Amino acid sequence: MLGYLCAYYRYYNPIEFITAFLNDAANDDDIQNGSLLAKQRGIRIIQPKFGFSKSDYFFNKEENVISKGVASVKYMSAQAADELYELSQSNTYNSFVDLLIDIKNKTTLKSNQLDILIKIDYFSDFGNQRELFAINNIFQMFLANDGKGWRKKIKKSNVDGTEFEDIIRRYSTGLTKTGKDAADYTLIDPDAIVHGLEAKIMAAGLEDVGLMMKVKNFNDIMGHAGFMTGKDTDRNKLFVTAVYPVKRKRDGVVFGYSILYQSVGNGKEGRMTCFKKRFEQEPIAKGDLIICKRWDRDGAYFQMLDYEHIYA
């Protein structure tokens, strides 16, 4: 009876079935099988993302996606993950600052956990990593010491001459009650200041962190390779998961190296052989990020003819 029901739900309710299967996975093989089934049924599995993810695997039928659980992220808790999902469903956020205010007041998310989520692009709908870290730094700067509400004053020495001076001066006063110059700016409308600074950061067009840094952060935080951009133009950008020598059977001489990789563009895993002469010109090691510039196919085997490293 259980076998019949599983077959029925797998066929008629694939996204619900696969989500349940992944949440009940006992090992990595189960995860791979569930992911393969999702691919066969045209269902995308995405990394943890605000508005889609809960603590465990969770599906969005309208978007036809299954998002990985936030609780799988290092140092994250199931409670904080579900609190973030509730925020996304009960509010519409037009700015990252508005979200940060609610995260501070309505969730148990800690500052180090927030940094981790930014590093895996969980909040990517609000901006790139450099932008979001800059906005969060501003947000933290203007919080009161007790973490409740905004601070009342900020030292002029920390403001004057900076790119944010005009906005801070617009919504504050730098005079004492007697009309003399003060050492601090007294903040009249700190909420307007923080939102104004956010707008200025977003208008500056800050470049995102480099691809190598994104891949490294993801692997360190998630504990496995799996970062992907979803862009076809990045399919030939490969994260190297293993390298080992390939020997001739007749005499045991190394003639090349087998490169195991995962595509940064689509997450697909594969293997290519790089001949010894090219490999020794530019050695490849586990953890490297490379661009495959030229390849060839010999039956079921793929040869990497030319490549270059990505260092940033």
Protein backbone atom coordinates (compact mmCIF):
# COMPACT_ATOMS: atom_id res chain seq x y z
CA MET A 1 0.00 0.00 0.00
CA LEU A 2 2.84 2.39 0.85
CA GLY A 3 4.54 1.57 -2.45
CA TYR A 4 1.33 2.31 -4.33
CA LEU A 5 0.82 5.63 -2.52
CA CYS A 6 4.43 6.71 -3.14
CA ALA A 7 4.10 5.91 -6.85
CA TYR A 8 0.79 7.79 -6.99
CA TYR A 9 2.11 10.94 -5.30
CA ARG A 10 5.37 10.82 -7.25
CA TYR A 11 3.39 10.90 -10.51
CA TYR A 12 0.50 13.25 -9.65
CA ASN A 13 2.13 15.48 -6.99
CA PRO A 14 5.83 15.51 -7.93
CA ILE A 15 6.90 18.75 -6.21
CA GLU A 16 5.25 17.77 -2.92
CA PHE A 17 6.62 14.23 -3.16
CA ILE A 18 10.20 15.32 -3.93
CA THR A 19 10.15 17.89 -1.12
CA ALA A 20 9.04 15.25 1.38
CA PHE A 21 11.61 12.80 0.01
CA LEU A 22 14.45 15.32 0.43
CA ASN A 23 13.36 16.21 3.96
CA ASP A 24 13.39 12.51 4.84
CA ALA A 25 16.73 11.80 3.12
CA ALA A 26 18.93 9.43 5.10
CA ASN A 27 22.19 10.07 3.22
CA ASP A 28 23.86 11.89 0.31
CA ASP A 29 22.63 9.27 -2.17
CA ASP A 30 19.03 10.11 -1.24
CA ILE A 31 19.75 13.81 -1.80
CA GLN A 32 21.28 13.08 -5.23
CA ASN A 33 18.37 10.83 -6.21
CA GLY A 34 15.82 13.41 -5.11
CA SER A 35 17.68 16.15 -6.99
CA LEU A 36 17.85 13.98 -10.14
CA LEU A 37 14.11 13.30 -9.96
CA ALA A 38 13.44 17.02 -9.63
CA LYS A 39 15.52 17.71 -12.71
CA GLN A 40 13.65 15.02 -14.66
CA ARG A 41 10.33 16.64 -13.74
CA GLY A 42 11.53 20.15 -14.61
CA ILE A 43 11.58 21.34 -10.98
CA ARG A 44 14.40 23.67 -9.96
CA ILE A 45 16.13 23.22 -6.61
CA ILE A 46 17.49 26.55 -5.41
CA GLN A 47 19.78 27.55 -2.58
CA PRO A 48 18.24 29.08 0.57
CA LYS A 49 16.56 32.35 -0.39
CA PHE A 50 14.46 34.93 1.45
CA GLY A 51 10.81 34.55 0.60
CA PHE A 52 11.16 30.92 -0.50
CA SER A 53 12.99 29.02 2.24
CA LYS A 54 11.90 27.69 5.61
CA SER A 55 13.97 25.61 8.02
CA ASP A 56 13.65 22.45 5.85
CA TYR A 57 13.23 21.91 2.11
CA PHE A 58 10.14 23.82 1.03
CA PHE A 59 8.34 24.10 -2.31
CA ASN A 60 6.76 26.97 -4.19
CA LYS A 61 4.29 25.45 -6.62
CA GLU A 62 3.65 28.69 -8.53
CA GLU A 63 7.38 29.13 -9.26
CA ASN A 64 7.91 25.36 -9.62
CA VAL A 65 10.95 25.47 -7.33
CA ILE A 66 12.10 23.69 -4.19
CA SER A 67 14.34 25.73 -1.92
CA LYS A 68 16.88 24.18 0.39
CA GLY A 69 16.29 24.57 4.10
CA VAL A 70 17.95 27.44 5.96
CA ALA A 71 18.56 25.14 8.92
CA SER A 72 21.12 23.32 6.75
CA VAL A 73 23.28 26.46 6.78
CA LYS A 74 26.11 26.45 9.31
CA TYR A 75 25.22 28.11 12.66
CA MET A 76 21.58 28.67 11.65
CA SER A 77 18.59 27.59 13.71
CA ALA A 78 15.24 26.23 12.57
CA GLN A 79 13.46 28.88 14.65
CA ALA A 80 15.23 31.81 12.99
CA ALA A 81 14.69 30.26 9.55
CA ASP A 82 10.94 29.96 10.05
CA GLU A 83 10.75 33.47 11.53
CA LEU A 84 12.37 34.88 8.39
CA TYR A 85 9.91 33.01 6.20
CA GLU A 86 6.99 34.40 8.22
CA LEU A 87 8.33 37.93 7.72
CA SER A 88 8.52 37.37 3.96
CA GLN A 89 4.92 36.15 3.80
CA SER A 90 3.36 38.81 6.03
CA ASN A 91 5.17 41.88 4.68
CA THR A 92 6.30 43.50 1.44
CA TYR A 93 9.75 45.04 1.82
CA ASN A 94 10.83 47.87 -0.45
CA SER A 95 14.23 48.27 1.19
CA PHE A 96 16.79 46.17 3.04
CA VAL A 97 16.69 48.60 5.97
CA ASP A 98 12.98 47.92 6.50
CA LEU A 99 13.74 44.20 6.59
CA LEU A 100 16.66 44.72 8.99
CA ILE A 101 14.36 46.61 11.36
CA ASP A 102 11.91 43.71 11.47
CA ILE A 103 14.71 41.15 11.77
CA LYS A 104 15.98 43.07 14.79
CA ASN A 105 12.57 43.44 16.44
CA LYS A 106 10.70 40.28 15.42
CA THR A 107 13.21 37.43 15.05
CA THR A 108 15.90 35.62 17.02
CA LEU A 109 18.44 35.99 14.18
CA LYS A 110 21.87 37.01 15.48
CA SER A 111 24.32 39.37 13.78
CA ASN A 112 26.76 36.58 12.81
CA GLN A 113 23.88 34.60 11.30
CA LEU A 114 22.82 37.65 9.29
CA ASP A 115 26.35 37.96 7.90
CA ILE A 116 26.32 34.29 6.90
CA LEU A 117 23.03 34.65 5.04
CA ILE A 118 24.34 37.68 3.15
CA LYS A 119 27.42 35.67 2.13
CA ILE A 120 25.33 32.91 0.52
CA ASP A 121 23.12 35.44 -1.35
CA TYR A 122 20.04 34.63 0.73
CA PHE A 123 19.03 38.31 0.48
CA SER A 124 20.13 38.79 -3.14
CA ASP A 125 16.78 40.33 -4.16
CA PHE A 126 17.76 43.41 -2.13
CA GLY A 127 21.23 43.91 -3.62
CA ASN A 128 24.64 42.32 -4.02
CA GLN A 129 26.87 41.32 -1.13
CA ARG A 130 28.94 44.52 -1.04
CA GLU A 131 25.81 46.67 -1.04
CA LEU A 132 24.07 44.66 1.66
CA PHE A 133 27.10 44.59 3.96
CA ALA A 134 27.48 48.37 3.53
CA ILE A 135 23.78 48.92 4.34
CA ASN A 136 23.98 46.63 7.37
CA ASN A 137 27.06 48.49 8.64
CA ILE A 138 25.14 51.76 8.42
CA PHE A 139 22.14 50.17 10.14
CA GLN A 140 24.30 48.91 13.02
CA MET A 141 26.05 52.29 13.30
CA PHE A 142 22.80 54.12 13.98
CA LEU A 143 21.27 51.58 16.35
CA ALA A 144 21.11 52.59 20.01
CA ASN A 145 23.62 50.84 22.27
CA ASP A 146 20.87 48.75 23.83
CA GLY A 147 19.73 47.67 20.36
CA LYS A 148 16.32 49.26 20.84
CA GLY A 149 15.52 52.12 18.48
CA TRP A 150 17.95 54.62 16.98
CA ARG A 151 20.80 56.41 18.65
CA LYS A 152 20.39 60.10 19.48
CA LYS A 153 23.82 61.45 18.53
CA ILE A 154 26.85 60.71 16.37
CA LYS A 155 30.31 62.28 16.55
CA LYS A 156 31.04 64.89 13.90
CA SER A 157 34.53 63.49 13.50
CA ASN A 158 32.98 60.27 12.18
CA VAL A 159 30.82 62.16 9.68
CA ASP A 160 32.48 65.31 8.37
CA GLY A 161 34.35 64.79 5.12
CA THR A 162 32.64 61.49 4.36
CA GLU A 163 30.33 60.81 1.42
CA PHE A 164 27.41 60.58 3.85
CA GLU A 165 27.87 64.01 5.44
CA ASP A 166 25.19 65.77 3.38
CA ILE A 167 22.42 63.33 4.32
CA ILE A 168 23.29 63.26 8.01
CA ARG A 169 23.49 67.05 8.22
CA ARG A 170 20.11 67.33 6.46
CA TYR A 171 18.31 65.43 9.22
CA SER A 172 20.28 66.55 12.28
CA THR A 173 21.65 69.61 14.03
CA GLY A 174 25.26 70.32 14.89
CA LEU A 175 24.55 73.11 17.38
CA THR A 176 24.08 73.17 21.11
CA LYS A 177 20.97 74.64 22.74
CA THR A 178 22.84 77.94 23.01
CA GLY A 179 23.62 77.95 19.27
CA LYS A 180 27.29 77.02 19.51
CA ASP A 181 29.05 74.31 17.51
CA ALA A 182 28.73 70.91 19.18
CA ALA A 183 31.11 67.96 19.01
CA ASP A 184 28.23 65.73 17.95
CA TYR A 185 25.36 65.82 15.53
CA THR A 186 22.03 65.46 17.29
CA LEU A 187 19.90 63.26 15.07
CA ILE A 188 16.46 64.72 14.38
CA ASP A 189 15.21 62.00 12.04
CA PRO A 190 17.54 58.97 12.21
CA ASP A 191 15.08 56.81 10.27
CA ALA A 192 15.26 59.21 7.30
CA ILE A 193 19.06 59.25 7.62
CA VAL A 194 19.41 55.49 7.46
CA HIS A 195 17.01 55.16 4.53
CA GLY A 196 18.74 58.04 2.75
CA LEU A 197 22.13 56.41 3.23
CA GLU A 198 20.75 53.13 1.92
CA ALA A 199 19.51 54.88 -1.23
CA LYS A 200 22.93 56.49 -1.71
CA ILE A 201 24.71 53.14 -1.36
CA MET A 202 22.38 51.51 -3.89
CA ALA A 203 22.88 54.40 -6.33
CA ALA A 204 26.68 54.10 -6.10
CA GLY A 205 26.73 50.92 -8.19
CA LEU A 206 29.10 48.95 -5.97
CA GLU A 207 30.51 45.86 -7.67
CA ASP A 208 29.67 42.54 -6.09
CA VAL A 209 32.39 40.43 -4.48
CA GLY A 210 34.37 38.29 -6.90
CA LEU A 211 33.19 34.89 -8.04
CA MET A 212 36.05 33.10 -6.30
CA MET A 213 35.12 34.72 -2.97
CA LYS A 214 31.46 33.74 -3.46
CA VAL A 215 32.35 30.13 -4.17
CA LYS A 216 34.75 29.97 -1.21
CA ASN A 217 32.22 31.52 1.17
CA PHE A 218 29.50 29.14 0.01
CA ASN A 219 31.68 26.05 0.42
CA ASP A 220 32.90 27.14 3.86
CA ILE A 221 29.39 27.90 5.10
CA MET A 222 27.45 25.04 3.49
CA GLY A 223 30.22 22.47 3.93
CA HIS A 224 30.05 21.29 0.33
CA ALA A 225 30.44 22.46 -3.25
CA GLY A 226 27.17 23.59 -4.73
CA PHE A 227 27.29 27.32 -5.46
CA MET A 228 25.74 28.18 -8.80
CA THR A 229 24.68 31.36 -10.56
CA GLY A 230 22.04 29.86 -12.84
CA LYS A 231 23.58 31.71 -15.81
CA ASP A 232 24.36 29.91 -19.07
CA THR A 233 27.39 32.16 -19.53
CA ASP A 234 28.91 30.62 -16.37
CA ARG A 235 28.52 26.98 -17.39
CA ASN A 236 32.19 26.73 -18.42
CA LYS A 237 33.33 28.13 -15.05
CA LEU A 238 34.23 25.06 -13.05
CA PHE A 239 34.87 24.54 -9.35
CA VAL A 240 37.37 21.71 -8.96
CA THR A 241 36.26 19.11 -6.41
CA ALA A 242 39.07 16.57 -6.93
CA VAL A 243 42.22 15.94 -8.98
CA TYR A 244 44.05 12.65 -9.40
CA PRO A 245 46.61 11.26 -11.85
CA VAL A 246 45.64 8.92 -14.71
CA LYS A 247 48.12 6.16 -15.60
CA ARG A 248 48.63 3.96 -18.64
CA LYS A 249 47.66 0.37 -17.96
CA ARG A 250 50.64 -1.18 -19.73
CA ASP A 251 53.43 0.59 -17.80
CA GLY A 252 51.84 2.70 -15.04
CA VAL A 253 53.18 5.98 -16.45
CA VAL A 254 51.09 9.08 -15.68
CA PHE A 255 49.83 10.58 -18.94
CA GLY A 256 47.30 13.05 -17.55
CA TYR A 257 45.06 14.09 -14.70
CA SER A 258 41.37 13.51 -14.10
CA ILE A 259 39.62 16.73 -13.07
CA LEU A 260 36.34 16.36 -11.18
CA TYR A 261 34.30 19.53 -11.17
CA GLN A 262 31.00 21.25 -10.60
CA SER A 263 29.75 23.90 -13.01
CA VAL A 264 29.24 27.30 -11.39
CA GLY A 265 26.56 28.08 -13.98
CA ASN A 266 24.19 25.13 -13.59
CA GLY A 267 25.62 23.05 -10.74
CA LYS A 268 26.21 20.03 -13.00
CA GLU A 269 28.98 17.68 -11.88
CA GLY A 270 31.38 16.12 -14.36
CA ARG A 271 34.85 14.85 -15.12
CA MET A 272 37.45 15.81 -17.70
CA THR A 273 40.94 14.58 -18.45
CA CYS A 274 43.76 17.09 -18.82
CA PHE A 275 46.93 15.82 -20.48
CA LYS A 276 50.16 16.02 -18.53
CA LYS A 277 51.93 18.59 -20.72
CA ARG A 278 49.13 21.17 -20.40
CA PHE A 279 48.55 20.37 -16.72
CA GLU A 280 52.20 20.96 -15.80
CA GLN A 281 52.13 24.36 -17.50
CA GLU A 282 49.34 25.47 -15.13
CA PRO A 283 48.65 22.90 -12.38
CA ILE A 284 45.09 22.46 -11.11
CA ALA A 285 44.28 21.63 -7.50
CA LYS A 286 41.17 20.82 -5.50
CA GLY A 287 39.35 24.04 -4.63
CA ASP A 288 40.50 25.91 -7.75
CA LEU A 289 38.08 27.83 -9.94
CA ILE A 290 38.84 27.58 -13.65
CA ILE A 291 37.34 28.54 -17.01
CA CYS A 292 37.30 25.70 -19.52
CA LYS A 293 38.19 27.50 -22.75
CA ARG A 294 38.43 24.51 -25.07
CA TRP A 295 37.45 20.84 -24.80
CA ASP A 296 37.00 17.77 -26.95
CA ARG A 297 34.99 14.56 -26.68
CA ASP A 298 36.28 11.05 -27.31
CA GLY A 299 33.33 8.69 -26.94
CA ALA A 300 32.18 8.86 -23.33
CA TYR A 301 35.32 10.74 -22.26
CA PHE A 302 35.91 14.49 -22.24
CA GLN A 303 39.31 16.13 -22.63
CA MET A 304 40.09 19.60 -21.33
CA LEU A 305 42.37 21.13 -23.95
CA ASP A 306 42.74 24.66 -22.58
CA TYR A 307 41.73 26.55 -19.46
CA GLU A 308 42.63 29.44 -17.21
CA HIS A 309 42.33 30.06 -13.46
CA ILE A 310 39.97 32.54 -11.84
CA TYR A 311 41.58 34.22 -8.86
CA ALA A 312 38.99 36.85 -7.93
